[in-house]
């Protein structure tokens, strides 16, 4: 994992048969099957968090994953874990491994290889939700008196009512008891340009 003041990642030569992920869920699934593997990444919120474009030369970066236990069910997340209701009404929980969720910068201080998950939880009235939507793209929705923030290596939450859970943007059901822990240096990624039609992505691809 990265240490303060230390460089992160290094230039590499690609083998040409690296697996490729097109989004956060695909990345987590690949690393679940191939722990520690090097994966080409060409899309998703973690890709956006890291600049959203491939560098001129292949540059490999180690990343953490988030181990999620939701009412006893096991999951892995690459970018974020969110428990919320439609329209962000009521209490919500946002756990970020990178900075972005879609066009919103919900983890302004998050880094995908610092061994820490960035947590924001709370509830906002309608007026404050509208203001937060306008400010979230720049990460300016924080601080806010209605929201609690912390940075942790692991966390355990008991939600008062079962709440829809989204892992890397995919709804996986409702959850009342949530445990999240950082799996450090779970894999290595190289930001890559999108695949061209007819090109090969290596032996394993995300779906």
Protein backbone atom coordinates (compact mmCIF):
# COMPACT_ATOMS: atom_id res chain seq x y z
CA UNK A 1 0.00 0.00 0.00
CA UNK A 2 1.12 3.52 -0.68
CA UNK A 3 2.85 5.47 2.09
CA UNK A 4 2.63 9.27 2.45
CA UNK A 5 5.21 10.97 0.27
CA UNK A 6 6.12 7.80 -1.59
CA UNK A 7 5.65 7.30 -5.36
CA UNK A 8 2.76 5.09 -6.41
CA UNK A 9 3.10 2.64 -9.29
CA UNK A 10 5.72 2.09 -11.94
CA UNK A 11 6.25 1.75 -15.67
CA UNK A 12 5.85 -1.80 -16.96
CA UNK A 13 6.09 -3.82 -20.13
CA UNK A 14 2.86 -5.61 -20.95
CA UNK A 15 2.82 -9.30 -21.82
CA UNK A 16 -0.04 -8.83 -24.25
CA UNK A 17 -2.27 -11.43 -22.61
CA UNK A 18 -3.40 -9.42 -19.57
CA UNK A 19 -7.10 -9.74 -18.69
CA UNK A 20 -9.17 -6.61 -19.25
CA UNK A 21 -12.01 -5.11 -17.23
CA UNK A 22 -14.44 -2.56 -18.64
CA UNK A 23 -15.94 -1.41 -15.34
CA UNK A 24 -15.60 -1.61 -11.56
CA UNK A 25 -17.67 -4.73 -11.10
CA UNK A 26 -15.73 -6.54 -13.82
CA UNK A 27 -12.45 -5.54 -12.17
CA UNK A 28 -13.54 -6.86 -8.77
CA UNK A 29 -14.75 -10.12 -10.32
CA UNK A 30 -11.46 -10.65 -12.15
CA UNK A 31 -9.41 -10.01 -9.03
CA UNK A 32 -11.66 -12.31 -7.01
CA UNK A 33 -10.79 -15.12 -9.44
CA UNK A 34 -7.16 -14.09 -9.91
CA UNK A 35 -5.90 -12.42 -6.69
CA UNK A 36 -2.97 -10.09 -7.23
CA UNK A 37 -3.28 -10.22 -11.02
CA UNK A 38 -2.43 -7.38 -13.37
CA UNK A 39 -5.60 -6.16 -15.12
CA UNK A 40 -6.06 -3.66 -17.91
CA UNK A 41 -8.84 -1.21 -16.96
CA UNK A 42 -10.59 0.91 -19.56
CA UNK A 43 -13.76 2.16 -17.84
CA UNK A 44 -15.74 2.58 -14.65
CA UNK A 45 -15.57 4.94 -11.69
CA UNK A 46 -12.13 3.81 -10.52
CA UNK A 47 -10.86 4.55 -14.03
CA UNK A 48 -12.38 8.05 -13.72
CA UNK A 49 -10.88 8.49 -10.25
CA UNK A 50 -7.42 7.86 -11.71
CA UNK A 51 -7.72 10.40 -14.50
CA UNK A 52 -10.00 8.70 -17.01
CA UNK A 53 -7.43 8.11 -19.72
CA UNK A 54 -4.54 5.81 -20.51
CA UNK A 55 -1.02 7.21 -20.05
CA UNK A 56 1.42 7.35 -22.96
CA UNK A 57 3.29 4.35 -21.56
CA UNK A 58 1.87 1.42 -19.54
CA UNK A 59 1.92 2.35 -15.86
CA UNK A 60 1.00 -0.23 -13.26
CA UNK A 61 -0.66 0.74 -9.98
CA UNK A 62 -1.40 -1.57 -7.03
CA UNK A 63 -4.94 -1.22 -5.68
CA UNK A 64 -6.97 -2.30 -2.68
CA UNK A 65 -10.40 -3.89 -2.80
CA UNK A 66 -13.24 -3.66 -0.30
CA UNK A 67 -14.40 -6.90 1.30
CA UNK A 68 -18.13 -6.58 1.97
CA UNK A 69 -20.26 -8.76 4.22
CA UNK A 70 -23.92 -7.85 3.75
CA UNK A 71 -26.22 -9.80 6.08
CA UNK A 72 -23.76 -12.68 5.85
CA UNK A 73 -23.33 -12.55 2.06
CA UNK A 74 -19.80 -11.97 0.76
CA UNK A 75 -18.91 -9.47 -1.97
CA UNK A 76 -15.89 -7.59 -3.30
CA UNK A 77 -15.94 -3.97 -4.44
CA UNK A 78 -13.38 -2.07 -6.47
CA UNK A 79 -14.77 1.47 -6.30
CA UNK A 80 -17.64 1.98 -3.83
CA UNK A 81 -20.32 0.50 -1.62
CA UNK A 82 -23.56 2.48 -1.16
CA UNK A 83 -26.64 1.79 0.95
CA UNK A 84 -29.42 4.20 0.03
CA UNK A 85 -33.07 4.55 -0.87
CA UNK A 86 -34.46 6.00 -4.07
CA UNK A 87 -33.67 9.69 -4.38
CA UNK A 88 -31.25 9.42 -1.43
CA UNK A 89 -34.16 9.80 0.98
CA UNK A 90 -33.59 8.88 4.60
CA UNK A 91 -30.35 7.53 6.04
CA UNK A 92 -27.61 6.55 3.60
CA UNK A 93 -24.08 5.18 3.76
CA UNK A 94 -21.34 5.76 1.18
CA UNK A 95 -18.04 3.87 1.40
CA UNK A 96 -15.46 4.95 -1.19
CA UNK A 97 -12.27 3.25 -2.39
CA UNK A 98 -11.81 5.90 -5.10
CA UNK A 99 -13.03 9.44 -5.52
CA UNK A 100 -15.91 9.11 -7.98
CA UNK A 101 -19.39 7.65 -8.18
CA UNK A 102 -20.58 8.53 -11.67
CA UNK A 103 -20.13 12.27 -12.11
CA UNK A 104 -19.99 12.91 -8.36
CA UNK A 105 -16.79 13.23 -6.35
CA UNK A 106 -18.10 11.54 -3.20
CA UNK A 107 -14.68 10.59 -1.84
CA UNK A 108 -12.55 13.74 -2.20
CA UNK A 109 -9.82 12.31 0.06
CA UNK A 110 -10.09 8.68 -1.03
CA UNK A 111 -7.17 6.80 -2.56
CA UNK A 112 -7.48 3.24 -3.89
CA UNK A 113 -4.23 2.03 -2.34
CA UNK A 114 -3.99 3.72 1.07
CA UNK A 115 -5.49 0.83 3.04
CA UNK A 116 -8.43 2.99 4.09
CA UNK A 117 -12.10 3.22 3.14
CA UNK A 118 -13.66 6.71 3.18
CA UNK A 119 -17.09 6.69 4.82
CA UNK A 120 -19.89 9.26 4.64
CA UNK A 121 -23.23 8.63 6.34
CA UNK A 122 -26.27 10.59 7.41
CA UNK A 123 -29.47 12.01 5.99
CA UNK A 124 -30.43 15.22 4.22
CA UNK A 125 -33.69 17.05 3.72
CA UNK A 126 -34.93 17.71 0.20
CA UNK A 127 -33.38 21.19 -0.01
CA UNK A 128 -29.99 19.97 1.16
CA UNK A 129 -30.14 16.98 -1.21
CA UNK A 130 -30.65 19.36 -4.12
CA UNK A 131 -27.74 21.51 -2.98
CA UNK A 132 -25.56 18.42 -2.52
CA UNK A 133 -26.33 17.28 -6.08
CA UNK A 134 -25.04 20.60 -7.42
CA UNK A 135 -21.91 20.52 -5.25
CA UNK A 136 -21.04 16.82 -5.46
CA UNK A 137 -19.31 16.91 -8.88
CA UNK A 138 -16.58 19.08 -7.33
CA UNK A 139 -16.58 17.27 -4.00
CA UNK A 140 -17.85 20.45 -2.34
CA UNK A 141 -20.83 18.78 -0.62
CA UNK A 142 -18.60 18.18 2.42
CA UNK A 143 -18.40 19.12 5.20
CA UNK A 144 -22.10 19.22 6.10
CA UNK A 145 -23.72 19.16 9.57
CA UNK A 146 -26.08 16.39 8.46
CA UNK A 147 -23.28 14.10 7.35
CA UNK A 148 -20.65 12.23 9.35
CA UNK A 149 -17.35 11.35 7.70
CA UNK A 150 -14.51 9.07 8.74
CA UNK A 151 -11.59 7.16 7.24
CA UNK A 152 -11.17 3.59 8.48
CA UNK A 153 -9.51 0.27 7.72
CA UNK A 154 -12.74 -1.52 8.52
CA UNK A 155 -16.26 -0.72 9.71
CA UNK A 156 -19.40 -2.41 10.93
CA UNK A 157 -22.85 -0.85 10.64
CA UNK A 158 -26.31 -1.85 11.82
CA UNK A 159 -28.99 -0.09 9.75
CA UNK A 160 -32.31 0.64 11.44
CA UNK A 161 -34.25 -0.68 8.43
CA UNK A 162 -33.22 -2.88 5.52
CA UNK A 163 -31.78 -0.58 2.85
CA UNK A 164 -30.98 -1.21 -0.84
CA UNK A 165 -27.27 -1.95 -1.27
CA UNK A 166 -25.28 -1.07 -4.38
CA UNK A 167 -21.80 -2.52 -4.88
CA UNK A 168 -19.84 -0.87 -7.69
CA UNK A 169 -23.14 0.54 -8.93
CA UNK A 170 -24.95 -2.81 -9.05
CA UNK A 171 -27.91 -3.44 -6.73
CA UNK A 172 -27.35 -6.65 -4.77
CA UNK A 173 -30.42 -6.57 -2.48
CA UNK A 174 -31.28 -5.01 0.86
CA UNK A 175 -29.06 -4.99 3.91
CA UNK A 176 -29.44 -4.43 7.65
CA UNK A 177 -25.97 -5.47 8.86
CA UNK A 178 -22.96 -4.31 6.86
CA UNK A 179 -19.26 -5.01 7.41
CA UNK A 180 -16.57 -3.55 5.14
CA UNK A 181 -12.85 -4.20 5.37
CA UNK A 182 -9.97 -3.20 3.13
CA UNK A 183 -8.08 -5.95 1.32
CA UNK A 184 -4.74 -4.27 0.72
CA UNK A 185 -2.77 -4.68 -2.52
CA UNK A 186 -5.47 -6.96 -3.92
CA UNK A 187 -4.39 -6.47 -7.52
CA UNK A 188 -2.59 -4.34 -10.04
CA UNK A 189 -4.17 -2.22 -12.75
CA UNK A 190 -2.94 -0.54 -15.90
CA UNK A 191 -5.20 2.14 -17.35
CA UNK A 192 -5.78 1.25 -20.98
CA UNK A 193 -7.53 2.75 -24.01
CA UNK A 194 -10.89 1.20 -24.89
CA UNK A 195 -10.78 -1.94 -27.02
CA UNK A 196 -11.22 -1.57 -30.73
CA UNK A 197 -13.67 -3.81 -32.53
CA UNK A 198 -12.13 -7.17 -33.33
CA UNK A 199 -9.20 -6.81 -30.93
CA UNK A 200 -8.30 -9.41 -28.32
CA UNK A 201 -8.57 -8.74 -24.59
CA UNK A 202 -6.49 -11.65 -23.32
CA UNK A 203 -7.65 -14.93 -21.88
CA UNK A 204 -10.08 -13.54 -19.31
CA UNK A 205 -12.55 -10.70 -19.77
CA UNK A 206 -15.14 -9.13 -17.54
CA UNK A 207 -18.77 -9.42 -18.51
